[in-house]
Amino acid sequence: MYEPFAFNLLPEHLKHVFITWVVMALLLVLAFLARRNLSLVPKGWQNVLESYVEGMVNFMNGILGGADSRPYLPLIGTLFLFILFCNWIGLVPGFIAPTSNWNTTIAPAIVVFFYYHYVGIRKHGVLKYFKRFGGPVWWLSPLIFLLESIGHLARVLSLSIRLFGNIFGEESLFIVLFTLVPLLIPVPVMFLSIFFGFIQALVFTLLSIVYIALAVEEEE
């Protein structure tokens, strides 16, 4: 597949980093366009992003059980767009999906890991938050704490490997089909890749919200 000359000069392990910066630049441009000439009656990109923000808030409120989701919107809303653009940009001739590289997917997973612990500690306090890791039976607390800690670390692997595996598989399938049958079959596969790229971004975001909800929920 054709690659831009400057992109082709990059070492293989840096190509996904370059495309990641391209995605971030696109998101910054999108934010700039939405903020330019703000008006009470939204139009253009302002209307699109305001609809997105409202939809994301409603989506998060449903998962958080009616709790105020606006404090978590900057991270979750940006995370969804970042992953979505990273998934879709691989469909552009000459580019690869940064999320087809595990180094890219593990970064937002680590951010989510530290973030939901942060909001949990901010909500409950350090002692009360980590006390929940020990379970209700005091003499089993060390074992339960260890198991809970392993489970939380496994969330990082689950988030990152799920996203990486699906996007890497889709991109590999698309390249193989494009090589074997360059005219007909890749077209429906491209539409499927657009759909699955959206689903994978949604799943990553959904799980991130669930982890936040579990961290801030009150014990009965």
N, C-alpha and C. Protein backbone atom coordinates (compact mmCIF):
# COMPACT_ATOMS: atom_id res chain seq x y z
N MET A 1 0.85 -1.20 0.00
CA MET A 1 0.00 0.00 0.00
C MET A 1 0.88 1.25 0.00
N TYR A 2 0.45 2.25 -0.74
CA TYR A 2 1.24 3.48 -0.89
C TYR A 2 1.36 4.22 0.44
N GLU A 3 2.55 4.71 0.73
CA GLU A 3 2.78 5.50 1.91
C GLU A 3 3.45 6.82 1.51
N PRO A 4 3.07 7.95 2.13
CA PRO A 4 3.74 9.22 1.85
C PRO A 4 5.23 9.10 2.06
N PHE A 5 6.00 9.81 1.24
CA PHE A 5 7.45 9.66 1.28
C PHE A 5 8.03 9.95 2.66
N ALA A 6 7.62 11.07 3.27
CA ALA A 6 8.15 11.44 4.58
C ALA A 6 7.78 10.40 5.63
N PHE A 7 6.58 9.87 5.52
CA PHE A 7 6.13 8.83 6.45
C PHE A 7 6.93 7.56 6.27
N ASN A 8 7.26 7.24 5.03
CA ASN A 8 8.00 6.02 4.73
C ASN A 8 9.43 6.08 5.24
N LEU A 9 9.96 7.30 5.47
CA LEU A 9 11.32 7.43 5.98
C LEU A 9 11.42 7.11 7.47
N LEU A 10 10.30 7.13 8.15
CA LEU A 10 10.32 6.88 9.59
C LEU A 10 10.60 5.41 9.89
N PRO A 11 11.31 5.13 10.98
CA PRO A 11 11.47 3.74 11.40
C PRO A 11 10.11 3.12 11.69
N GLU A 12 10.00 1.82 11.55
CA GLU A 12 8.72 1.13 11.70
C GLU A 12 8.11 1.37 13.07
N HIS A 13 8.95 1.40 14.13
CA HIS A 13 8.42 1.54 15.49
C HIS A 13 7.98 2.97 15.81
N LEU A 14 8.25 3.92 14.90
CA LEU A 14 7.84 5.30 15.14
C LEU A 14 6.65 5.73 14.28
N LYS A 15 6.22 4.88 13.36
CA LYS A 15 5.14 5.26 12.47
C LYS A 15 3.83 5.47 13.24
N HIS A 16 3.54 4.58 14.19
CA HIS A 16 2.30 4.73 14.95
C HIS A 16 2.34 5.98 15.83
N VAL A 17 3.56 6.37 16.27
CA VAL A 17 3.70 7.60 17.06
C VAL A 17 3.39 8.82 16.19
N PHE A 18 3.91 8.82 14.97
CA PHE A 18 3.66 9.92 14.04
C PHE A 18 2.16 10.06 13.76
N ILE A 19 1.48 8.95 13.47
CA ILE A 19 0.05 8.99 13.17
C ILE A 19 -0.75 9.41 14.40
N THR A 20 -0.29 9.03 15.58
CA THR A 20 -0.96 9.46 16.81
C THR A 20 -0.92 10.97 16.95
N TRP A 21 0.22 11.57 16.63
CA TRP A 21 0.33 13.03 16.67
C TRP A 21 -0.55 13.67 15.59
N VAL A 22 -0.69 13.03 14.45
CA VAL A 22 -1.60 13.53 13.42
C VAL A 22 -3.03 13.55 13.94
N VAL A 23 -3.43 12.47 14.62
CA VAL A 23 -4.78 12.41 15.18
C VAL A 23 -4.98 13.51 16.22
N MET A 24 -4.01 13.71 17.09
CA MET A 24 -4.13 14.76 18.10
C MET A 24 -4.23 16.14 17.46
N ALA A 25 -3.47 16.34 16.38
CA ALA A 25 -3.55 17.62 15.66
C ALA A 25 -4.94 17.80 15.05
N LEU A 26 -5.53 16.75 14.51
CA LEU A 26 -6.87 16.83 13.94
C LEU A 26 -7.90 17.18 15.02
N LEU A 27 -7.77 16.59 16.20
CA LEU A 27 -8.69 16.88 17.29
C LEU A 27 -8.55 18.33 17.75
N LEU A 28 -7.32 18.83 17.79
CA LEU A 28 -7.11 20.23 18.16
C LEU A 28 -7.73 21.18 17.13
N VAL A 29 -7.58 20.85 15.86
CA VAL A 29 -8.19 21.68 14.81
C VAL A 29 -9.71 21.64 14.94
N LEU A 30 -10.25 20.46 15.20
CA LEU A 30 -11.69 20.32 15.37
C LEU A 30 -12.19 21.16 16.54
N ALA A 31 -11.46 21.14 17.66
CA ALA A 31 -11.83 21.94 18.82
C ALA A 31 -11.74 23.43 18.51
N PHE A 32 -10.71 23.81 17.76
CA PHE A 32 -10.56 25.23 17.40
C PHE A 32 -11.72 25.70 16.53
N LEU A 33 -12.11 24.87 15.56
CA LEU A 33 -13.21 25.24 14.68
C LEU A 33 -14.53 25.35 15.45
N ALA A 34 -14.70 24.48 16.45
CA ALA A 34 -15.93 24.50 17.23
C ALA A 34 -16.00 25.73 18.13
N ARG A 35 -14.85 26.18 18.64
CA ARG A 35 -14.82 27.31 19.56
C ARG A 35 -14.78 28.66 18.84
N ARG A 36 -14.47 28.64 17.58
CA ARG A 36 -14.39 29.90 16.84
C ARG A 36 -15.79 30.44 16.56
N ASN A 37 -15.99 31.71 16.85
CA ASN A 37 -17.27 32.37 16.60
C ASN A 37 -18.43 31.68 17.31
N LEU A 38 -18.26 31.44 18.62
CA LEU A 38 -19.33 30.81 19.39
C LEU A 38 -20.57 31.70 19.40
N SER A 39 -21.74 31.08 19.35
CA SER A 39 -22.99 31.82 19.35
C SER A 39 -24.02 31.07 20.19
N LEU A 40 -25.06 31.79 20.64
CA LEU A 40 -26.11 31.17 21.42
C LEU A 40 -26.91 30.17 20.59
N VAL A 41 -27.01 30.42 19.31
CA VAL A 41 -27.65 29.48 18.40
C VAL A 41 -26.54 28.75 17.65
N PRO A 42 -26.21 27.53 18.07
CA PRO A 42 -25.05 26.85 17.48
C PRO A 42 -25.29 26.49 16.02
N LYS A 43 -24.20 26.51 15.28
CA LYS A 43 -24.24 26.12 13.88
C LYS A 43 -22.87 25.57 13.49
N GLY A 44 -22.86 24.83 12.41
CA GLY A 44 -21.60 24.27 11.94
C GLY A 44 -21.00 23.28 12.92
N TRP A 45 -19.67 23.37 13.09
CA TRP A 45 -18.97 22.45 13.98
C TRP A 45 -19.39 22.64 15.44
N GLN A 46 -19.76 23.86 15.81
CA GLN A 46 -20.24 24.08 17.17
C GLN A 46 -21.48 23.24 17.44
N ASN A 47 -22.39 23.20 16.48
CA ASN A 47 -23.61 22.41 16.63
C ASN A 47 -23.30 20.93 16.73
N VAL A 48 -22.36 20.46 15.90
CA VAL A 48 -21.98 19.04 15.91
C VAL A 48 -21.39 18.64 17.26
N LEU A 49 -20.44 19.43 17.77
CA LEU A 49 -19.77 19.08 19.01
C LEU A 49 -20.68 19.28 20.22
N GLU A 50 -21.57 20.26 20.18
CA GLU A 50 -22.51 20.41 21.28
C GLU A 50 -23.46 19.22 21.35
N SER A 51 -23.87 18.71 20.20
CA SER A 51 -24.71 17.51 20.16
C SER A 51 -23.93 16.31 20.70
N TYR A 52 -22.65 16.24 20.33
CA TYR A 52 -21.81 15.14 20.84
C TYR A 52 -21.67 15.21 22.35
N VAL A 53 -21.41 16.40 22.89
CA VAL A 53 -21.24 16.57 24.33
C VAL A 53 -22.53 16.19 25.07
N GLU A 54 -23.66 16.66 24.56
CA GLU A 54 -24.93 16.34 25.20
C GLU A 54 -25.21 14.84 25.17
N GLY A 55 -24.95 14.21 24.02
CA GLY A 55 -25.15 12.77 23.92
C GLY A 55 -24.24 11.99 24.84
N MET A 56 -22.97 12.41 24.95
CA MET A 56 -22.02 11.73 25.82
C MET A 56 -22.41 11.88 27.29
N VAL A 57 -22.87 13.08 27.68
CA VAL A 57 -23.31 13.29 29.06
C VAL A 57 -24.48 12.38 29.40
N ASN A 58 -25.46 12.29 28.51
CA ASN A 58 -26.61 11.42 28.75
C ASN A 58 -26.19 9.96 28.82
N PHE A 59 -25.26 9.57 27.95
CA PHE A 59 -24.76 8.20 27.95
C PHE A 59 -24.05 7.87 29.27
N MET A 60 -23.24 8.79 29.76
CA MET A 60 -22.52 8.57 31.01
C MET A 60 -23.47 8.59 32.20
N ASN A 61 -24.47 9.48 32.18
CA ASN A 61 -25.42 9.53 33.28
C ASN A 61 -26.17 8.21 33.44
N GLY A 62 -26.49 7.58 32.29
CA GLY A 62 -27.18 6.29 32.35
C GLY A 62 -26.34 5.22 33.02
N ILE A 63 -25.03 5.24 32.78
CA ILE A 63 -24.15 4.23 33.38
C ILE A 63 -23.86 4.55 34.84
N LEU A 64 -23.74 5.83 35.15
CA LEU A 64 -23.42 6.27 36.51
C LEU A 64 -24.64 6.31 37.43
N GLY A 65 -25.77 5.86 36.93
CA GLY A 65 -26.96 5.79 37.77
C GLY A 65 -27.55 7.14 38.11
N GLY A 66 -27.48 8.08 37.19
CA GLY A 66 -28.04 9.40 37.42
C GLY A 66 -27.10 10.37 38.10
N ALA A 67 -25.91 9.92 38.50
CA ALA A 67 -24.93 10.82 39.12
C ALA A 67 -24.42 11.82 38.09
N ASP A 68 -23.92 12.93 38.57
CA ASP A 68 -23.42 13.98 37.68
C ASP A 68 -22.16 13.49 36.97
N SER A 69 -22.22 13.41 35.68
CA SER A 69 -21.09 12.89 34.90
C SER A 69 -20.20 13.98 34.34
N ARG A 70 -20.59 15.24 34.51
CA ARG A 70 -19.83 16.33 33.88
C ARG A 70 -18.38 16.42 34.33
N PRO A 71 -18.04 16.10 35.61
CA PRO A 71 -16.61 16.15 35.97
C PRO A 71 -15.75 15.17 35.19
N TYR A 72 -16.35 14.09 34.68
CA TYR A 72 -15.58 13.08 33.97
C TYR A 72 -15.63 13.26 32.45
N LEU A 73 -16.42 14.24 32.00
CA LEU A 73 -16.61 14.43 30.55
C LEU A 73 -15.32 14.79 29.81
N PRO A 74 -14.46 15.69 30.34
CA PRO A 74 -13.26 16.04 29.57
C PRO A 74 -12.41 14.83 29.20
N LEU A 75 -12.21 13.92 30.15
CA LEU A 75 -11.40 12.74 29.84
C LEU A 75 -12.15 11.76 28.95
N ILE A 76 -13.37 11.39 29.35
CA ILE A 76 -14.10 10.36 28.63
C ILE A 76 -14.47 10.83 27.22
N GLY A 77 -14.92 12.07 27.10
CA GLY A 77 -15.29 12.58 25.78
C GLY A 77 -14.10 12.65 24.84
N THR A 78 -12.96 13.10 25.34
CA THR A 78 -11.75 13.17 24.52
C THR A 78 -11.24 11.77 24.19
N LEU A 79 -11.33 10.87 25.16
CA LEU A 79 -10.84 9.50 24.97
C LEU A 79 -11.59 8.81 23.83
N PHE A 80 -12.91 8.97 23.81
CA PHE A 80 -13.70 8.33 22.75
C PHE A 80 -13.30 8.87 21.38
N LEU A 81 -13.20 10.18 21.24
CA LEU A 81 -12.84 10.76 19.95
C LEU A 81 -11.43 10.36 19.53
N PHE A 82 -10.51 10.34 20.49
CA PHE A 82 -9.13 9.97 20.18
C PHE A 82 -9.06 8.53 19.65
N ILE A 83 -9.70 7.61 20.34
CA ILE A 83 -9.66 6.21 19.91
C ILE A 83 -10.40 6.02 18.59
N LEU A 84 -11.53 6.71 18.45
CA LEU A 84 -12.30 6.60 17.20
C LEU A 84 -11.48 7.08 16.01
N PHE A 85 -10.83 8.23 16.14
CA PHE A 85 -10.03 8.76 15.03
C PHE A 85 -8.82 7.85 14.77
N CYS A 86 -8.23 7.32 15.83
CA CYS A 86 -7.09 6.40 15.65
C CYS A 86 -7.53 5.14 14.91
N ASN A 87 -8.73 4.65 15.20
CA ASN A 87 -9.23 3.46 14.50
C ASN A 87 -9.51 3.75 13.03
N TRP A 88 -10.13 4.90 12.77
CA TRP A 88 -10.57 5.21 11.41
C TRP A 88 -9.46 5.69 10.49
N ILE A 89 -8.43 6.30 11.05
CA ILE A 89 -7.40 6.88 10.17
C ILE A 89 -6.62 5.80 9.43
N GLY A 90 -6.67 4.58 9.95
CA GLY A 90 -6.01 3.48 9.25
C GLY A 90 -6.66 3.14 7.92
N LEU A 91 -7.90 3.62 7.70
CA LEU A 91 -8.59 3.39 6.43
C LEU A 91 -8.14 4.36 5.34
N VAL A 92 -7.43 5.42 5.74
CA VAL A 92 -6.93 6.39 4.78
C VAL A 92 -5.70 5.79 4.08
N PRO A 93 -5.67 5.75 2.76
CA PRO A 93 -4.51 5.19 2.05
C PRO A 93 -3.21 5.85 2.49
N GLY A 94 -2.25 5.02 2.82
CA GLY A 94 -0.95 5.52 3.23
C GLY A 94 -0.77 5.66 4.72
N PHE A 95 -1.83 5.41 5.49
CA PHE A 95 -1.73 5.53 6.94
C PHE A 95 -2.03 4.20 7.61
N ILE A 96 -1.61 4.09 8.86
CA ILE A 96 -1.91 2.92 9.67
C ILE A 96 -2.69 3.38 10.89
N ALA A 97 -3.46 2.47 11.46
CA ALA A 97 -4.20 2.79 12.68
C ALA A 97 -3.25 2.70 13.87
N PRO A 98 -3.05 3.79 14.61
CA PRO A 98 -2.16 3.73 15.78
C PRO A 98 -2.61 2.68 16.80
N THR A 99 -3.92 2.43 16.85
CA THR A 99 -4.43 1.45 17.82
C THR A 99 -4.15 0.01 17.40
N SER A 100 -3.55 -0.19 16.23
CA SER A 100 -3.10 -1.53 15.86
C SER A 100 -1.73 -1.84 16.46
N ASN A 101 -1.22 -0.90 17.25
CA ASN A 101 0.04 -1.09 17.97
C ASN A 101 -0.25 -1.04 19.47
N TRP A 102 0.22 -2.03 20.20
CA TRP A 102 -0.12 -2.13 21.63
C TRP A 102 0.45 -0.97 22.43
N ASN A 103 1.53 -0.36 21.97
CA ASN A 103 2.09 0.79 22.69
C ASN A 103 1.10 1.95 22.74
N THR A 104 0.25 2.05 21.71
CA THR A 104 -0.75 3.12 21.68
C THR A 104 -1.93 2.79 22.58
N THR A 105 -2.41 1.56 22.53
CA THR A 105 -3.62 1.21 23.29
C THR A 105 -3.36 1.13 24.79
N ILE A 106 -2.16 0.77 25.18
CA ILE A 106 -1.90 0.64 26.62
C ILE A 106 -1.80 2.01 27.29
N ALA A 107 -1.45 3.06 26.52
CA ALA A 107 -1.32 4.40 27.10
C ALA A 107 -2.66 4.91 27.64
N PRO A 108 -3.76 4.94 26.85
CA PRO A 108 -5.03 5.38 27.43
C PRO A 108 -5.54 4.44 28.51
N ALA A 109 -5.21 3.15 28.42
CA ALA A 109 -5.63 2.21 29.46
C ALA A 109 -4.98 2.56 30.80
N ILE A 110 -3.71 2.93 30.78
CA ILE A 110 -3.02 3.33 32.00
C ILE A 110 -3.59 4.63 32.54
N VAL A 111 -3.93 5.56 31.65
CA VAL A 111 -4.54 6.83 32.06
C VAL A 111 -5.86 6.57 32.77
N VAL A 112 -6.70 5.70 32.19
CA VAL A 112 -7.98 5.36 32.82
C VAL A 112 -7.75 4.69 34.17
N PHE A 113 -6.76 3.81 34.27
CA PHE A 113 -6.46 3.11 35.52
C PHE A 113 -6.16 4.09 36.65
N PHE A 114 -5.28 5.04 36.39
CA PHE A 114 -4.93 6.01 37.44
C PHE A 114 -6.06 6.99 37.68
N TYR A 115 -6.82 7.31 36.65
CA TYR A 115 -7.87 8.30 36.80
C TYR A 115 -9.00 7.78 37.69
N TYR A 116 -9.47 6.56 37.46
CA TYR A 116 -10.60 6.10 38.27
C TYR A 116 -10.18 5.85 39.72
N HIS A 117 -8.91 5.51 39.96
CA HIS A 117 -8.44 5.44 41.34
C HIS A 117 -8.40 6.83 41.97
N TYR A 118 -8.00 7.80 41.16
CA TYR A 118 -7.94 9.18 41.65
C TYR A 118 -9.32 9.69 42.06
N VAL A 119 -10.32 9.49 41.19
CA VAL A 119 -11.66 9.99 41.53
C VAL A 119 -12.25 9.20 42.69
N GLY A 120 -11.90 7.91 42.81
CA GLY A 120 -12.37 7.13 43.94
C GLY A 120 -11.79 7.61 45.25
N ILE A 121 -10.50 7.92 45.26
CA ILE A 121 -9.85 8.44 46.47
C ILE A 121 -10.38 9.82 46.80
N ARG A 122 -10.60 10.64 45.78
CA ARG A 122 -11.14 11.98 46.02
C ARG A 122 -12.54 11.92 46.60
N LYS A 123 -13.32 10.92 46.20
CA LYS A 123 -14.69 10.79 46.68
C LYS A 123 -14.76 10.21 48.10
N HIS A 124 -13.96 9.19 48.39
CA HIS A 124 -14.09 8.45 49.64
C HIS A 124 -12.96 8.70 50.63
N GLY A 125 -11.84 9.23 50.15
CA GLY A 125 -10.66 9.32 51.00
C GLY A 125 -9.79 8.09 50.82
N VAL A 126 -8.51 8.22 51.13
CA VAL A 126 -7.55 7.14 50.87
C VAL A 126 -7.90 5.88 51.65
N LEU A 127 -8.09 5.99 52.96
CA LEU A 127 -8.32 4.81 53.79
C LEU A 127 -9.62 4.11 53.45
N LYS A 128 -10.68 4.87 53.30
CA LYS A 128 -11.99 4.28 53.01
C LYS A 128 -11.99 3.63 51.63
N TYR A 129 -11.31 4.24 50.68
CA TYR A 129 -11.30 3.69 49.32
C TYR A 129 -10.55 2.36 49.28
N PHE A 130 -9.35 2.33 49.84
CA PHE A 130 -8.57 1.09 49.77
C PHE A 130 -9.06 0.05 50.77
N LYS A 131 -9.85 0.45 51.76
CA LYS A 131 -10.46 -0.51 52.66
C LYS A 131 -11.42 -1.42 51.91
N ARG A 132 -12.02 -0.90 50.86
CA ARG A 132 -12.95 -1.69 50.06
C ARG A 132 -12.24 -2.85 49.36
N PHE A 133 -10.93 -2.73 49.19
CA PHE A 133 -10.18 -3.79 48.54
C PHE A 133 -10.03 -5.01 49.43
N GLY A 134 -10.25 -4.85 50.75
CA GLY A 134 -10.01 -5.93 51.69
C GLY A 134 -11.18 -6.85 51.93
N GLY A 135 -12.37 -6.45 51.48
CA GLY A 135 -13.54 -7.31 51.68
C GLY A 135 -14.10 -7.18 53.09
N PRO A 136 -15.23 -7.86 53.33
CA PRO A 136 -15.92 -7.72 54.62
C PRO A 136 -15.33 -8.56 55.76
N VAL A 137 -14.52 -9.56 55.44
CA VAL A 137 -13.98 -10.48 56.47
C VAL A 137 -12.53 -10.07 56.76
N TRP A 138 -12.27 -9.63 58.00
CA TRP A 138 -10.97 -9.03 58.29
C TRP A 138 -9.82 -10.00 58.15
N TRP A 139 -10.04 -11.28 58.53
CA TRP A 139 -8.92 -12.21 58.50
C TRP A 139 -8.59 -12.70 57.08
N LEU A 140 -9.48 -12.41 56.14
CA LEU A 140 -9.20 -12.71 54.74
C LEU A 140 -8.75 -11.47 53.95
N SER A 141 -8.64 -10.35 54.66
CA SER A 141 -8.34 -9.09 53.99
C SER A 141 -7.04 -9.11 53.18
N PRO A 142 -5.94 -9.64 53.71
CA PRO A 142 -4.70 -9.64 52.90
C PRO A 142 -4.86 -10.38 51.58
N LEU A 143 -5.52 -11.56 51.63
CA LEU A 143 -5.71 -12.33 50.40
C LEU A 143 -6.65 -11.61 49.44
N ILE A 144 -7.77 -11.07 49.96
CA ILE A 144 -8.72 -10.37 49.11
C ILE A 144 -8.08 -9.12 48.51
N PHE A 145 -7.28 -8.42 49.32
CA PHE A 145 -6.61 -7.22 48.83
C PHE A 145 -5.68 -7.56 47.66
N LEU A 146 -4.95 -8.67 47.79
CA LEU A 146 -4.05 -9.10 46.73
C LEU A 146 -4.82 -9.44 45.46
N LEU A 147 -5.92 -10.19 45.62
CA LEU A 147 -6.72 -10.57 44.47
C LEU A 147 -7.36 -9.35 43.80
N GLU A 148 -7.84 -8.42 44.62
CA GLU A 148 -8.44 -7.20 44.07
C GLU A 148 -7.40 -6.38 43.30
N SER A 149 -6.19 -6.30 43.86
CA SER A 149 -5.13 -5.54 43.19
C SER A 149 -4.79 -6.16 41.83
N ILE A 150 -4.70 -7.50 41.79
CA ILE A 150 -4.43 -8.18 40.52
C ILE A 150 -5.56 -7.93 39.53
N GLY A 151 -6.80 -7.96 40.04
CA GLY A 151 -7.95 -7.70 39.17
C GLY A 151 -7.93 -6.31 38.56
N HIS A 152 -7.53 -5.32 39.35
CA HIS A 152 -7.46 -3.95 38.83
C HIS A 152 -6.34 -3.81 37.81
N LEU A 153 -5.21 -4.45 38.06
CA LEU A 153 -4.12 -4.42 37.08
C LEU A 153 -4.53 -5.12 35.79
N ALA A 154 -5.33 -6.18 35.93
CA ALA A 154 -5.79 -6.91 34.75
C ALA A 154 -6.69 -6.05 33.87
N ARG A 155 -7.33 -5.04 34.47
CA ARG A 155 -8.17 -4.14 33.67
C ARG A 155 -7.35 -3.39 32.64
N VAL A 156 -6.13 -3.04 32.99
CA VAL A 156 -5.26 -2.35 32.03
C VAL A 156 -4.99 -3.25 30.83
N LEU A 157 -4.66 -4.50 31.10
CA LEU A 157 -4.40 -5.44 30.01
C LEU A 157 -5.66 -5.70 29.20
N SER A 158 -6.79 -5.82 29.89
CA SER A 158 -8.05 -6.09 29.20
C SER A 158 -8.42 -4.96 28.25
N LEU A 159 -8.33 -3.72 28.73
CA LEU A 159 -8.65 -2.58 27.88
C LEU A 159 -7.72 -2.48 26.68
N SER A 160 -6.43 -2.58 26.94
CA SER A 160 -5.45 -2.35 25.88
C SER A 160 -5.38 -3.50 24.88
N ILE A 161 -5.38 -4.74 25.35
CA ILE A 161 -5.24 -5.88 24.44
C ILE A 161 -6.49 -6.09 23.62
N ARG A 162 -7.67 -5.86 24.20
CA ARG A 162 -8.91 -6.00 23.44
C ARG A 162 -8.92 -5.04 22.26
N LEU A 163 -8.60 -3.79 22.52
CA LEU A 163 -8.60 -2.79 21.45
C LEU A 163 -7.51 -3.09 20.42
N PHE A 164 -6.32 -3.39 20.90
CA PHE A 164 -5.20 -3.69 20.00
C PHE A 164 -5.51 -4.90 19.13
N GLY A 165 -6.00 -5.97 19.72
CA GLY A 165 -6.25 -7.21 18.98
C GLY A 165 -7.29 -7.04 17.89
N ASN A 166 -8.37 -6.34 18.22
CA ASN A 166 -9.44 -6.16 17.23
C ASN A 166 -9.00 -5.27 16.07
N ILE A 167 -8.36 -4.16 16.38
CA ILE A 167 -7.95 -3.24 15.30
C ILE A 167 -6.82 -3.85 14.47
N PHE A 168 -5.89 -4.53 15.13
CA PHE A 168 -4.80 -5.17 14.38
C PHE A 168 -5.36 -6.25 13.45
N GLY A 169 -6.33 -7.03 13.95
CA GLY A 169 -6.92 -8.07 13.11
C GLY A 169 -7.68 -7.49 11.93
N GLU A 170 -8.46 -6.43 12.17
CA GLU A 170 -9.21 -5.80 11.08
C GLU A 170 -8.28 -5.21 10.03
N GLU A 171 -7.23 -4.54 10.50
CA GLU A 171 -6.30 -3.92 9.56
C GLU A 171 -5.55 -4.97 8.74
N SER A 172 -5.16 -6.05 9.39
CA SER A 172 -4.47 -7.14 8.68
C SER A 172 -5.38 -7.77 7.63
N LEU A 173 -6.65 -7.99 7.99
CA LEU A 173 -7.60 -8.56 7.04
C LEU A 173 -7.81 -7.63 5.85
N PHE A 174 -7.93 -6.34 6.12
CA PHE A 174 -8.14 -5.38 5.04
C PHE A 174 -6.94 -5.36 4.09
N ILE A 175 -5.73 -5.39 4.63
CA ILE A 175 -4.53 -5.36 3.78
C ILE A 175 -4.45 -6.62 2.92
N VAL A 176 -4.76 -7.79 3.52
CA VAL A 176 -4.72 -9.04 2.76
C VAL A 176 -5.74 -9.03 1.63
N LEU A 177 -6.98 -8.61 1.94
CA LEU A 177 -8.02 -8.59 0.91
C LEU A 177 -7.70 -7.55 -0.17
N PHE A 178 -7.15 -6.42 0.23
CA PHE A 178 -6.79 -5.39 -0.74
C PHE A 178 -5.69 -5.89 -1.68
N THR A 179 -4.79 -6.71 -1.15
CA THR A 179 -3.70 -7.25 -1.96
C THR A 179 -4.21 -8.31 -2.94
N LEU A 180 -5.13 -9.17 -2.44
CA LEU A 180 -5.61 -10.27 -3.27
C LEU A 180 -6.68 -9.80 -4.27
N VAL A 181 -7.64 -9.02 -3.79
CA VAL A 181 -8.74 -8.55 -4.64
C VAL A 181 -8.86 -7.04 -4.47
N PRO A 182 -8.10 -6.26 -5.20
CA PRO A 182 -8.01 -4.82 -4.92
C PRO A 182 -9.23 -3.99 -5.33
N LEU A 183 -10.21 -4.57 -6.04
CA LEU A 183 -11.28 -3.74 -6.58
C LEU A 183 -12.61 -3.88 -5.85
N LEU A 184 -13.07 -5.08 -5.57
CA LEU A 184 -14.44 -5.27 -5.11
C LEU A 184 -14.56 -5.54 -3.61
N ILE A 185 -13.89 -6.59 -3.13
CA ILE A 185 -14.10 -7.04 -1.75
C ILE A 185 -13.70 -5.99 -0.72
N PRO A 186 -12.61 -5.23 -0.89
CA PRO A 186 -12.22 -4.27 0.17
C PRO A 186 -13.27 -3.21 0.47
N VAL A 187 -14.20 -2.93 -0.46
CA VAL A 187 -15.18 -1.87 -0.23
C VAL A 187 -16.13 -2.22 0.93
N PRO A 188 -16.82 -3.38 0.89
CA PRO A 188 -17.65 -3.72 2.06
C PRO A 188 -16.84 -3.92 3.33
N VAL A 189 -15.61 -4.42 3.19
CA VAL A 189 -14.76 -4.59 4.37
C VAL A 189 -14.43 -3.23 4.98
N MET A 190 -14.27 -2.21 4.14
CA MET A 190 -13.99 -0.87 4.64
C MET A 190 -15.17 -0.34 5.46
N PHE A 191 -16.40 -0.58 4.98
CA PHE A 191 -17.58 -0.16 5.73
C PHE A 191 -17.68 -0.91 7.06
N LEU A 192 -17.34 -2.20 7.03
CA LEU A 192 -17.33 -2.97 8.27
C LEU A 192 -16.27 -2.44 9.23
N SER A 193 -15.12 -2.03 8.70
CA SER A 193 -14.06 -1.48 9.53
C SER A 193 -14.49 -0.17 10.18
N ILE A 194 -15.24 0.64 9.45
CA ILE A 194 -15.76 1.88 10.03
C ILE A 194 -16.69 1.56 11.19
N PHE A 195 -17.56 0.57 10.99
CA PHE A 195 -18.51 0.18 12.04
C PHE A 195 -17.77 -0.40 13.25
N PHE A 196 -16.86 -1.34 13.00
CA PHE A 196 -16.15 -1.98 14.11
C PHE A 196 -15.21 -1.00 14.81
N GLY A 197 -14.66 -0.05 14.06
CA GLY A 197 -13.84 0.97 14.71
C GLY A 197 -14.64 1.79 15.69
N PHE A 198 -15.88 2.12 15.30
CA PHE A 198 -16.78 2.83 16.22
C PHE A 198 -17.12 1.97 17.43
N ILE A 199 -17.43 0.70 17.21
CA ILE A 199 -17.80 -0.20 18.30
C ILE A 199 -16.65 -0.36 19.29
N GLN A 200 -15.43 -0.51 18.79
CA GLN A 200 -14.28 -0.69 19.68
C GLN A 200 -14.03 0.57 20.51
N ALA A 201 -14.19 1.75 19.92
CA ALA A 201 -14.05 2.99 20.68
C ALA A 201 -15.14 3.08 21.74
N LEU A 202 -16.36 2.66 21.38
CA LEU A 202 -17.48 2.70 22.32
C LEU A 202 -17.27 1.72 23.47
N VAL A 203 -16.77 0.52 23.18
CA VAL A 203 -16.54 -0.47 24.23
C VAL A 203 -15.47 0.02 25.21
N PHE A 204 -14.38 0.56 24.68
CA PHE A 204 -13.31 1.09 25.54
C PHE A 204 -13.87 2.19 26.45
N THR A 205 -14.66 3.09 25.86
CA THR A 205 -15.24 4.18 26.63
C THR A 205 -16.23 3.67 27.66
N LEU A 206 -17.06 2.71 27.26
CA LEU A 206 -18.06 2.14 28.17
C LEU A 206 -17.40 1.51 29.39
N LEU A 207 -16.37 0.71 29.16
CA LEU A 207 -15.67 0.07 30.28
C LEU A 207 -15.00 1.11 31.18
N SER A 208 -14.47 2.15 30.58
CA SER A 208 -13.84 3.22 31.38
C SER A 208 -14.87 3.88 32.30
N ILE A 209 -16.06 4.13 31.78
CA ILE A 209 -17.12 4.73 32.60
C ILE A 209 -17.55 3.78 33.71
N VAL A 210 -17.65 2.49 33.39
CA VAL A 210 -18.01 1.50 34.40
C VAL A 210 -17.00 1.48 35.53
N TYR A 211 -15.70 1.53 35.20
CA TYR A 211 -14.67 1.53 36.24
C TYR A 211 -14.78 2.78 37.11
N ILE A 212 -15.10 3.92 36.51
CA ILE A 212 -15.31 5.15 37.29
C ILE A 212 -16.51 4.99 38.20
N ALA A 213 -17.60 4.42 37.67
CA ALA A 213 -18.81 4.22 38.46
C ALA A 213 -18.55 3.32 39.66
N LEU A 214 -17.77 2.26 39.46
CA LEU A 214 -17.44 1.36 40.57
C LEU A 214 -16.57 2.06 41.61
N ALA A 215 -15.71 2.96 41.16
CA ALA A 215 -14.80 3.64 42.08
C ALA A 215 -15.51 4.66 42.95
N VAL A 216 -16.55 5.29 42.42
CA VAL A 216 -17.21 6.38 43.17
C VAL A 216 -18.50 5.95 43.85
N GLU A 217 -18.95 4.70 43.60
CA GLU A 217 -20.22 4.28 44.19
C GLU A 217 -20.10 4.18 45.69
N GLU A 218 -21.23 4.40 46.37
CA GLU A 218 -21.28 4.31 47.83
C GLU A 218 -21.61 2.88 48.24
N GLU A 219 -20.90 2.40 49.25
CA GLU A 219 -21.19 1.06 49.76
C GLU A 219 -22.44 1.08 50.61
N GLU A 220 -23.24 0.02 50.49
CA GLU A 220 -24.44 -0.08 51.31
C GLU A 220 -24.14 -0.88 52.58
